[in-house]
């Protein structure tokens, strides 16, 4: 299912993750309501972990907090 996630859905997932007050558990419901698809929590977490590993999203934190 990860291969079927479009750029618009990816952008919406990142927007929801970065929005204060939005829980990760709520993201699949919001995405499913907006785009009328069937993503579950495990698929969202798999997508986020793939993006984390692919783009090394921890790099900025390591620069800022060296110790």
PDB file of N, CA and C in Angstrom:
ATOM      1  N   UNK A   1       0.822  -1.202   0.000  1.00  0.00           N
ATOM      2  CA  UNK A   1       0.000   0.000   0.000  1.00  0.00           C
ATOM      3  C   UNK A   1       0.861   1.260   0.000  1.00  0.00           C
ATOM      4  N   UNK A   2       2.059   1.201   0.536  1.00  0.00           N
ATOM      5  CA  UNK A   2       2.937   2.366   0.588  1.00  0.00           C
ATOM      6  C   UNK A   2       3.212   2.899  -0.818  1.00  0.00           C
ATOM      7  N   UNK A   3       3.334   2.012  -1.799  1.00  0.00           N
ATOM      8  CA  UNK A   3       3.611   2.441  -3.161  1.00  0.00           C
ATOM      9  C   UNK A   3       2.460   3.251  -3.732  1.00  0.00           C
ATOM     10  N   UNK A   4       1.264   3.103  -3.199  1.00  0.00           N
ATOM     11  CA  UNK A   4       0.083   3.774  -3.730  1.00  0.00           C
ATOM     12  C   UNK A   4      -0.147   5.155  -3.115  1.00  0.00           C
ATOM     13  N   UNK A   5       0.671   5.559  -2.188  1.00  0.00           N
ATOM     14  CA  UNK A   5       0.477   6.853  -1.541  1.00  0.00           C
ATOM     15  C   UNK A   5       0.966   7.947  -2.488  1.00  0.00           C
ATOM     16  N   UNK A   6       0.068   8.844  -2.845  1.00  0.00           N
ATOM     17  CA  UNK A   6       0.413   9.916  -3.776  1.00  0.00           C
ATOM     18  C   UNK A   6       1.124  11.052  -3.052  1.00  0.00           C
ATOM     19  N   UNK A   7       1.666  11.973  -3.842  1.00  0.00           N
ATOM     20  CA  UNK A   7       2.372  13.114  -3.271  1.00  0.00           C
ATOM     21  C   UNK A   7       1.445  13.974  -2.419  1.00  0.00           C
ATOM     22  N   UNK A   8       0.188  14.124  -2.835  1.00  0.00           N
ATOM     23  CA  UNK A   8      -0.763  14.929  -2.066  1.00  0.00           C
ATOM     24  C   UNK A   8      -1.024  14.300  -0.697  1.00  0.00           C
ATOM     25  N   UNK A   9      -1.141  12.976  -0.673  1.00  0.00           N
ATOM     26  CA  UNK A   9      -1.371  12.280   0.597  1.00  0.00           C
ATOM     27  C   UNK A   9      -0.141  12.390   1.479  1.00  0.00           C
ATOM     28  N   UNK A  10       1.041  12.243   0.900  1.00  0.00           N
ATOM     29  CA  UNK A  10       2.284  12.383   1.670  1.00  0.00           C
ATOM     30  C   UNK A  10       2.382  13.781   2.268  1.00  0.00           C
ATOM     31  N   UNK A  11       2.089  14.801   1.476  1.00  0.00           N
ATOM     32  CA  UNK A  11       2.132  16.172   1.980  1.00  0.00           C
ATOM     33  C   UNK A  11       1.142  16.374   3.119  1.00  0.00           C
ATOM     34  N   UNK A  12      -0.046  15.793   2.989  1.00  0.00           N
ATOM     35  CA  UNK A  12      -1.062  15.925   4.033  1.00  0.00           C
ATOM     36  C   UNK A  12      -0.627  15.195   5.310  1.00  0.00           C
ATOM     37  N   UNK A  13      -0.001  14.035   5.160  1.00  0.00           N
ATOM     38  CA  UNK A  13       0.493  13.300   6.334  1.00  0.00           C
ATOM     39  C   UNK A  13       1.544  14.133   7.062  1.00  0.00           C
ATOM     40  N   UNK A  14       2.483  14.705   6.314  1.00  0.00           N
ATOM     41  CA  UNK A  14       3.517  15.537   6.941  1.00  0.00           C
ATOM     42  C   UNK A  14       2.913  16.779   7.581  1.00  0.00           C
ATOM     43  N   UNK A  15       1.908  17.364   6.947  1.00  0.00           N
ATOM     44  CA  UNK A  15       1.260  18.538   7.522  1.00  0.00           C
ATOM     45  C   UNK A  15       0.574  18.185   8.839  1.00  0.00           C
ATOM     46  N   UNK A  16      -0.111  17.031   8.854  1.00  0.00           N
ATOM     47  CA  UNK A  16      -0.808  16.611  10.075  1.00  0.00           C
ATOM     48  C   UNK A  16       0.176  16.246  11.179  1.00  0.00           C
ATOM     49  N   UNK A  17       1.295  15.616  10.818  1.00  0.00           N
ATOM     50  CA  UNK A  17       2.296  15.250  11.827  1.00  0.00           C
ATOM     51  C   UNK A  17       2.884  16.505  12.469  1.00  0.00           C
ATOM     52  N   UNK A  18       3.074  17.547  11.667  1.00  0.00           N
ATOM     53  CA  UNK A  18       3.694  18.764  12.197  1.00  0.00           C
ATOM     54  C   UNK A  18       2.703  19.721  12.847  1.00  0.00           C
ATOM     55  N   UNK A  19       1.415  19.396  12.822  1.00  0.00           N
ATOM     56  CA  UNK A  19       0.397  20.247  13.433  1.00  0.00           C
ATOM     57  C   UNK A  19       0.298  19.946  14.921  1.00  0.00           C
ATOM     58  N   UNK A  20       0.477  20.962  15.771  1.00  0.00           N
ATOM     59  CA  UNK A  20       0.342  20.738  17.216  1.00  0.00           C
ATOM     60  C   UNK A  20      -1.078  20.297  17.575  1.00  0.00           C
ATOM     61  N   UNK A  21      -1.164  19.342  18.470  1.00  0.00           N
ATOM     62  CA  UNK A  21      -2.458  18.865  18.942  1.00  0.00           C
ATOM     63  C   UNK A  21      -3.031  17.693  18.166  1.00  0.00           C
ATOM     64  N   UNK A  22      -2.428  17.328  17.044  1.00  0.00           N
ATOM     65  CA  UNK A  22      -2.910  16.192  16.253  1.00  0.00           C
ATOM     66  C   UNK A  22      -2.122  14.962  16.674  1.00  0.00           C
ATOM     67  N   UNK A  23      -2.820  13.963  17.150  1.00  0.00           N
ATOM     68  CA  UNK A  23      -2.178  12.730  17.578  1.00  0.00           C
ATOM     69  C   UNK A  23      -1.916  11.831  16.376  1.00  0.00           C
ATOM     70  N   UNK A  24      -0.848  11.038  16.437  1.00  0.00           N
ATOM     71  CA  UNK A  24      -0.506  10.121  15.350  1.00  0.00           C
ATOM     72  C   UNK A  24      -1.641   9.117  15.130  1.00  0.00           C
ATOM     73  N   UNK A  25      -2.315   8.711  16.192  1.00  0.00           N
ATOM     74  CA  UNK A  25      -3.402   7.744  16.068  1.00  0.00           C
ATOM     75  C   UNK A  25      -4.585   8.299  15.282  1.00  0.00           C
ATOM     76  N   UNK A  26      -4.722   9.630  15.241  1.00  0.00           N
ATOM     77  CA  UNK A  26      -5.843  10.260  14.544  1.00  0.00           C
ATOM     78  C   UNK A  26      -5.576  10.472  13.055  1.00  0.00           C
ATOM     79  N   UNK A  27      -4.329  10.399  12.635  1.00  0.00           N
ATOM     80  CA  UNK A  27      -3.964  10.702  11.250  1.00  0.00           C
ATOM     81  C   UNK A  27      -4.629   9.764  10.245  1.00  0.00           C
ATOM     82  N   UNK A  28      -4.648   8.438  10.451  1.00  0.00           N
ATOM     83  CA  UNK A  28      -5.320   7.589   9.450  1.00  0.00           C
ATOM     84  C   UNK A  28      -6.785   7.959   9.231  1.00  0.00           C
ATOM     85  N   UNK A  29      -7.509   8.276  10.290  1.00  0.00           N
ATOM     86  CA  UNK A  29      -8.919   8.657  10.149  1.00  0.00           C
ATOM     87  C   UNK A  29      -9.067   9.940   9.334  1.00  0.00           C
ATOM     88  N   UNK A  30      -8.215  10.935   9.611  1.00  0.00           N
ATOM     89  CA  UNK A  30      -8.295  12.200   8.890  1.00  0.00           C
ATOM     90  C   UNK A  30      -7.931  12.022   7.420  1.00  0.00           C
ATOM     91  N   UNK A  31      -6.891  11.237   7.147  1.00  0.00           N
ATOM     92  CA  UNK A  31      -6.477  10.988   5.765  1.00  0.00           C
ATOM     93  C   UNK A  31      -7.566  10.226   5.019  1.00  0.00           C
ATOM     94  N   UNK A  32      -8.149   9.222   5.664  1.00  0.00           N
ATOM     95  CA  UNK A  32      -9.204   8.436   5.022  1.00  0.00           C
ATOM     96  C   UNK A  32     -10.435   9.280   4.715  1.00  0.00           C
ATOM     97  N   UNK A  33     -10.765  10.219   5.602  1.00  0.00           N
ATOM     98  CA  UNK A  33     -11.920  11.084   5.370  1.00  0.00           C
ATOM     99  C   UNK A  33     -11.671  12.072   4.234  1.00  0.00           C
ATOM    100  N   UNK A  34     -10.463  12.590   4.144  1.00  0.00           N
ATOM    101  CA  UNK A  34     -10.150  13.598   3.128  1.00  0.00           C
ATOM    102  C   UNK A  34     -10.037  12.962   1.746  1.00  0.00           C
ATOM    103  N   UNK A  35      -9.271  11.864   1.649  1.00  0.00           N
ATOM    104  CA  UNK A  35      -8.940  11.289   0.348  1.00  0.00           C
ATOM    105  C   UNK A  35      -9.768  10.058  -0.020  1.00  0.00           C
ATOM    106  N   UNK A  36     -10.651   9.633   0.859  1.00  0.00           N
ATOM    107  CA  UNK A  36     -11.520   8.468   0.600  1.00  0.00           C
ATOM    108  C   UNK A  36     -10.718   7.221   0.229  1.00  0.00           C
ATOM    109  N   UNK A  37      -9.673   6.949   1.039  1.00  0.00           N
ATOM    110  CA  UNK A  37      -8.871   5.736   0.874  1.00  0.00           C
ATOM    111  C   UNK A  37      -8.877   4.981   2.188  1.00  0.00           C
ATOM    112  N   UNK A  38      -8.272   3.826   2.218  1.00  0.00           N
ATOM    113  CA  UNK A  38      -8.242   2.998   3.421  1.00  0.00           C
ATOM    114  C   UNK A  38      -6.804   2.777   3.877  1.00  0.00           C
ATOM    115  N   UNK A  39      -6.259   3.732   4.615  1.00  0.00           N
ATOM    116  CA  UNK A  39      -4.952   3.567   5.245  1.00  0.00           C
ATOM    117  C   UNK A  39      -5.176   3.263   6.716  1.00  0.00           C
ATOM    118  N   UNK A  40      -4.358   2.387   7.268  1.00  0.00           N
ATOM    119  CA  UNK A  40      -4.470   2.127   8.699  1.00  0.00           C
ATOM    120  C   UNK A  40      -3.232   2.661   9.418  1.00  0.00           C
ATOM    121  N   UNK A  41      -3.231   2.555  10.717  1.00  0.00           N
ATOM    122  CA  UNK A  41      -2.166   3.106  11.551  1.00  0.00           C
ATOM    123  C   UNK A  41      -0.811   2.491  11.202  1.00  0.00           C
ATOM    124  N   UNK A  42      -0.758   1.190  10.959  1.00  0.00           N
ATOM    125  CA  UNK A  42       0.502   0.520  10.652  1.00  0.00           C
ATOM    126  C   UNK A  42       1.093   1.021   9.339  1.00  0.00           C
ATOM    127  N   UNK A  43       0.249   1.265   8.349  1.00  0.00           N
ATOM    128  CA  UNK A  43       0.734   1.773   7.062  1.00  0.00           C
ATOM    129  C   UNK A  43       1.277   3.191   7.187  1.00  0.00           C
ATOM    130  N   UNK A  44       0.620   4.018   7.987  1.00  0.00           N
ATOM    131  CA  UNK A  44       1.115   5.377   8.223  1.00  0.00           C
ATOM    132  C   UNK A  44       2.464   5.328   8.929  1.00  0.00           C
ATOM    133  N   UNK A  45       2.579   4.475   9.944  1.00  0.00           N
ATOM    134  CA  UNK A  45       3.842   4.381  10.681  1.00  0.00           C
ATOM    135  C   UNK A  45       4.955   3.810   9.796  1.00  0.00           C
ATOM    136  N   UNK A  46       4.629   2.865   8.935  1.00  0.00           N
ATOM    137  CA  UNK A  46       5.625   2.321   8.011  1.00  0.00           C
ATOM    138  C   UNK A  46       6.099   3.407   7.046  1.00  0.00           C
ATOM    139  N   UNK A  47       5.175   4.195   6.534  1.00  0.00           N
ATOM    140  CA  UNK A  47       5.533   5.303   5.652  1.00  0.00           C
ATOM    141  C   UNK A  47       6.432   6.299   6.364  1.00  0.00           C
ATOM    142  N   UNK A  48       6.065   6.677   7.590  1.00  0.00           N
ATOM    143  CA  UNK A  48       6.869   7.652   8.333  1.00  0.00           C
ATOM    144  C   UNK A  48       8.253   7.113   8.670  1.00  0.00           C
ATOM    145  N   UNK A  49       8.343   5.840   9.020  1.00  0.00           N
ATOM    146  CA  UNK A  49       9.665   5.273   9.336  1.00  0.00           C
ATOM    147  C   UNK A  49      10.521   5.177   8.080  1.00  0.00           C
ATOM    148  N   UNK A  50       9.923   4.853   6.924  1.00  0.00           N
ATOM    149  CA  UNK A  50      10.680   4.830   5.669  1.00  0.00           C
ATOM    150  C   UNK A  50      11.203   6.217   5.323  1.00  0.00           C
ATOM    151  N   UNK A  51      10.368   7.228   5.478  1.00  0.00           N
ATOM    152  CA  UNK A  51      10.793   8.600   5.189  1.00  0.00           C
ATOM    153  C   UNK A  51      11.873   9.053   6.168  1.00  0.00           C
ATOM    154  N   UNK A  52      11.742   8.658   7.415  1.00  0.00           N
ATOM    155  CA  UNK A  52      12.734   9.013   8.433  1.00  0.00           C
ATOM    156  C   UNK A  52      14.098   8.436   8.068  1.00  0.00           C
ATOM    157  N   UNK A  53      14.115   7.165   7.678  1.00  0.00           N
ATOM    158  CA  UNK A  53      15.378   6.533   7.320  1.00  0.00           C
ATOM    159  C   UNK A  53      15.910   7.054   5.990  1.00  0.00           C
ATOM    160  N   UNK A  54      15.028   7.321   5.047  1.00  0.00           N
ATOM    161  CA  UNK A  54      15.445   7.764   3.723  1.00  0.00           C
ATOM    162  C   UNK A  54      16.077   9.156   3.763  1.00  0.00           C
ATOM    163  N   UNK A  55      15.516  10.049   4.567  1.00  0.00           N
ATOM    164  CA  UNK A  55      15.955  11.442   4.567  1.00  0.00           C
ATOM    165  C   UNK A  55      16.732  11.847   5.813  1.00  0.00           C
ATOM    166  N   UNK A  56      16.998  10.911   6.710  1.00  0.00           N
ATOM    167  CA  UNK A  56      17.757  11.188   7.927  1.00  0.00           C
ATOM    168  C   UNK A  56      17.207  12.423   8.643  1.00  0.00           C
ATOM    169  N   UNK A  57      15.945  12.379   9.022  1.00  0.00           N
ATOM    170  CA  UNK A  57      15.272  13.520   9.618  1.00  0.00           C
ATOM    171  C   UNK A  57      15.795  13.869  11.015  1.00  0.00           C
ATOM    172  N   UNK A  58      16.652  13.044  11.564  1.00  0.00           N
ATOM    173  CA  UNK A  58      17.224  13.301  12.878  1.00  0.00           C
ATOM    174  C   UNK A  58      18.433  14.232  12.791  1.00  0.00           C
ATOM    175  N   UNK A  59      18.901  14.548  11.614  1.00  0.00           N
ATOM    176  CA  UNK A  59      20.125  15.318  11.426  1.00  0.00           C
ATOM    177  C   UNK A  59      20.056  16.687  12.091  1.00  0.00           C
ATOM    178  N   UNK A  60      18.962  17.403  11.938  1.00  0.00           N
ATOM    179  CA  UNK A  60      18.828  18.732  12.535  1.00  0.00           C
ATOM    180  C   UNK A  60      18.888  18.695  14.047  1.00  0.00           C
ATOM    181  N   UNK A  61      18.314  17.681  14.653  1.00  0.00           N
ATOM    182  CA  UNK A  61      18.350  17.575  16.110  1.00  0.00           C
ATOM    183  C   UNK A  61      19.767  17.328  16.585  1.00  0.00           C
ATOM    184  N   UNK A  62      20.532  16.517  15.838  1.00  0.00           N
ATOM    185  CA  UNK A  62      21.903  16.235  16.239  1.00  0.00           C
ATOM    186  C   UNK A  62      22.768  17.477  16.128  1.00  0.00           C
ATOM    187  N   UNK A  63      22.513  18.351  15.156  1.00  0.00           N
ATOM    188  CA  UNK A  63      23.283  19.580  15.026  1.00  0.00           C
ATOM    189  C   UNK A  63      23.005  20.528  16.185  1.00  0.00           C
ATOM    190  N   UNK A  64      21.773  20.562  16.611  1.00  0.00           N
ATOM    191  CA  UNK A  64      21.363  21.485  17.633  1.00  0.00           C
ATOM    192  C   UNK A  64      21.712  20.976  19.042  1.00  0.00           C
ATOM    193  N   UNK A  65      21.623  19.705  19.275  1.00  0.00           N
ATOM    194  CA  UNK A  65      21.837  19.127  20.610  1.00  0.00           C
ATOM    195  C   UNK A  65      22.975  18.114  20.544  1.00  0.00           C
ATOM    196  N   UNK A  66      24.168  18.570  20.568  1.00  0.00           N
ATOM    197  CA  UNK A  66      25.318  17.686  20.383  1.00  0.00           C
ATOM    198  C   UNK A  66      25.553  16.759  21.569  1.00  0.00           C
ATOM    199  N   UNK A  67      25.116  17.142  22.735  1.00  0.00           N
ATOM    200  CA  UNK A  67      25.427  16.319  23.908  1.00  0.00           C
ATOM    201  C   UNK A  67      24.193  15.687  24.487  1.00  0.00           C
TER     202      UNK A  67
END
